[in-house]
Amino acid sequence: MSAICQVTGRKPSFGKSVSHSHRRTNRRWSPNVQRRRFYAPSLGRSVTLNVSAKGLKVIDRDGIDAVVARLIARGEKI
């Protein structure tokens, strides 16, 4: 599963870990992406989305039908 949120577009960010001796090594911050199923009444079926925790809040705020309509308008396959 890719670590990209389908609702918000969040993806991993990259940076450096800095040790006590100030040695720098590469690291990555992954978003909290989870695979969730939602029932979309407008489509009459369930859809499975990879959503972050922030994406779940967006779905709670706007509703699943509005979010699905945005994804379809963007041309994303669901």
Protein backbone atom coordinates (compact mmCIF):
# COMPACT_ATOMS: atom_id res chain seq x y z
CA MET A 1 0.00 0.00 0.00
CA SER A 2 1.39 3.38 -0.94
CA ALA A 3 1.67 5.98 1.80
CA ILE A 4 -0.36 8.63 -0.08
CA CYS A 5 -3.74 9.86 1.14
CA GLN A 6 -6.34 9.88 -1.65
CA VAL A 7 -8.36 12.65 0.02
CA THR A 8 -5.73 15.18 1.11
CA GLY A 9 -2.77 14.14 -1.05
CA ARG A 10 -0.44 13.82 1.93
CA LYS A 11 2.68 11.80 1.24
CA PRO A 12 5.93 11.04 3.04
CA SER A 13 8.31 13.91 3.71
CA PHE A 14 12.05 13.48 3.91
CA GLY A 15 14.75 14.97 6.08
CA LYS A 16 17.70 14.15 8.29
CA SER A 17 18.08 12.51 11.67
CA VAL A 18 20.70 14.34 13.71
CA SER A 19 22.53 12.35 16.37
CA HIS A 20 24.12 13.68 19.54
CA SER A 21 27.46 13.94 17.70
CA HIS A 22 25.61 15.89 14.97
CA ARG A 23 26.03 13.12 12.39
CA ARG A 24 23.23 13.32 9.84
CA THR A 25 21.45 10.35 8.29
CA ASN A 26 18.46 10.28 5.96
CA ARG A 27 15.01 9.56 7.35
CA ARG A 28 11.40 9.78 6.29
CA TRP A 29 8.19 10.83 8.00
CA SER A 30 5.26 8.73 6.82
CA PRO A 31 1.69 10.01 7.19
CA ASN A 32 -0.81 7.93 9.15
CA VAL A 33 -2.45 6.30 6.11
CA GLN A 34 -5.05 3.58 6.61
CA ARG A 35 -7.20 1.58 4.20
CA ARG A 36 -10.88 2.22 5.01
CA ARG A 37 -14.19 1.21 3.43
CA PHE A 38 -17.04 3.72 3.19
CA TYR A 39 -20.56 3.30 1.86
CA ALA A 40 -21.28 5.97 -0.76
CA PRO A 41 -25.05 6.39 -1.21
CA SER A 42 -24.54 8.41 -4.41
CA LEU A 43 -22.78 5.42 -6.03
CA GLY A 44 -24.91 2.81 -4.26
CA ARG A 45 -21.86 0.80 -3.24
CA SER A 46 -18.89 0.71 -0.88
CA VAL A 47 -15.61 2.35 -1.82
CA THR A 48 -12.20 1.57 -0.37
CA LEU A 49 -9.89 4.53 0.14
CA ASN A 50 -6.38 5.04 1.46
CA VAL A 51 -6.94 7.92 3.86
CA SER A 52 -4.82 9.68 6.44
CA ALA A 53 -6.11 10.68 9.86
CA LYS A 54 -6.61 14.21 8.49
CA GLY A 55 -8.48 12.73 5.51
CA LEU A 56 -10.91 11.02 7.90
CA LYS A 57 -11.62 14.39 9.49
CA VAL A 58 -12.28 15.87 6.04
CA ILE A 59 -14.73 13.04 5.29
CA ASP A 60 -16.47 13.64 8.62
CA ARG A 61 -16.70 17.37 7.88
CA ASP A 62 -17.76 17.33 4.20
CA GLY A 63 -19.42 13.92 3.89
CA ILE A 64 -18.37 10.91 1.85
CA ASP A 65 -20.51 11.88 -1.17
CA ALA A 66 -18.77 15.25 -1.56
CA VAL A 67 -15.34 13.66 -1.18
CA VAL A 68 -16.14 10.92 -3.71
CA ALA A 69 -17.43 13.54 -6.17
CA ARG A 70 -14.12 15.44 -5.82
CA LEU A 71 -12.11 12.26 -6.43
CA ILE A 72 -14.14 11.42 -9.54
CA ALA A 73 -13.79 14.99 -10.85
CA ARG A 74 -10.04 14.71 -10.35
CA GLY A 75 -10.07 11.54 -12.46
CA GLU A 76 -9.03 9.18 -9.71
CA LYS A 77 -10.17 5.56 -9.90
CA ILE A 78 -12.21 4.37 -6.91
